[in-house]
């Protein structure tokens, strides 16, 4: 019982970390898209 509980906690932590990484990844992509769009707009 103790082992499975520890495993579940670890899985939950991993899921939370993955969510944070995905959020950061998408935020970075959005910021890049915005700056890229501004750069293209300034060039034309």
C-alpha atoms as a PDB file:
ATOM      1  CA  UNK A   1       0.000   0.000   0.000  1.00  0.00           C
ATOM      2  CA  UNK A   2       2.755   2.421   0.938  1.00  0.00           C
ATOM      3  CA  UNK A   3       4.638   1.751  -2.308  1.00  0.00           C
ATOM      4  CA  UNK A   4       1.613   2.344  -4.526  1.00  0.00           C
ATOM      5  CA  UNK A   5       0.736   5.523  -2.626  1.00  0.00           C
ATOM      6  CA  UNK A   6       4.255   6.865  -3.144  1.00  0.00           C
ATOM      7  CA  UNK A   7       4.038   5.914  -6.818  1.00  0.00           C
ATOM      8  CA  UNK A   8       0.737   7.749  -7.188  1.00  0.00           C
ATOM      9  CA  UNK A   9       2.150  10.861  -5.526  1.00  0.00           C
ATOM     10  CA  UNK A  10       5.143  10.723  -7.848  1.00  0.00           C
ATOM     11  CA  UNK A  11       2.855  10.355 -10.869  1.00  0.00           C
ATOM     12  CA  UNK A  12       0.805  13.359  -9.739  1.00  0.00           C
ATOM     13  CA  UNK A  13       3.968  15.428  -9.304  1.00  0.00           C
ATOM     14  CA  UNK A  14       5.157  14.415 -12.780  1.00  0.00           C
ATOM     15  CA  UNK A  15       1.789  15.360 -14.273  1.00  0.00           C
ATOM     16  CA  UNK A  16       1.904  18.765 -12.579  1.00  0.00           C
ATOM     17  CA  UNK A  17       5.459  19.360 -13.812  1.00  0.00           C
ATOM     18  CA  UNK A  18       4.456  18.365 -17.350  1.00  0.00           C
ATOM     19  CA  UNK A  19       1.510  20.776 -17.214  1.00  0.00           C
ATOM     20  CA  UNK A  20       3.793  23.608 -16.093  1.00  0.00           C
ATOM     21  CA  UNK A  21       6.291  22.812 -18.844  1.00  0.00           C
ATOM     22  CA  UNK A  22       3.526  22.768 -21.459  1.00  0.00           C
ATOM     23  CA  UNK A  23       2.160  26.104 -20.201  1.00  0.00           C
ATOM     24  CA  UNK A  24       5.630  27.667 -20.345  1.00  0.00           C
ATOM     25  CA  UNK A  25       6.201  26.160 -23.796  1.00  0.00           C
ATOM     26  CA  UNK A  26       2.942  27.528 -25.201  1.00  0.00           C
ATOM     27  CA  UNK A  27       3.477  30.926 -23.538  1.00  0.00           C
ATOM     28  CA  UNK A  28       6.919  31.115 -25.150  1.00  0.00           C
ATOM     29  CA  UNK A  29       5.453  30.170 -28.532  1.00  0.00           C
ATOM     30  CA  UNK A  30       2.746  32.834 -28.245  1.00  0.00           C
ATOM     31  CA  UNK A  31       5.287  35.505 -27.312  1.00  0.00           C
ATOM     32  CA  UNK A  32       7.517  34.434 -30.194  1.00  0.00           C
ATOM     33  CA  UNK A  33       4.569  34.574 -32.586  1.00  0.00           C
ATOM     34  CA  UNK A  34       3.682  38.079 -31.412  1.00  0.00           C
ATOM     35  CA  UNK A  35       7.245  39.387 -31.781  1.00  0.00           C
ATOM     36  CA  UNK A  36       7.574  37.611 -35.135  1.00  0.00           C
ATOM     37  CA  UNK A  37       4.344  39.190 -36.348  1.00  0.00           C
ATOM     38  CA  UNK A  38       5.519  42.629 -35.208  1.00  0.00           C
ATOM     39  CA  UNK A  39       8.848  42.101 -36.977  1.00  0.00           C
ATOM     40  CA  UNK A  40       7.122  41.119 -40.228  1.00  0.00           C
ATOM     41  CA  UNK A  41       4.707  44.040 -39.903  1.00  0.00           C
ATOM     42  CA  UNK A  42       7.587  46.462 -39.384  1.00  0.00           C
ATOM     43  CA  UNK A  43       9.438  45.092 -42.409  1.00  0.00           C
ATOM     44  CA  UNK A  44       6.620  45.603 -44.924  1.00  0.00           C
END
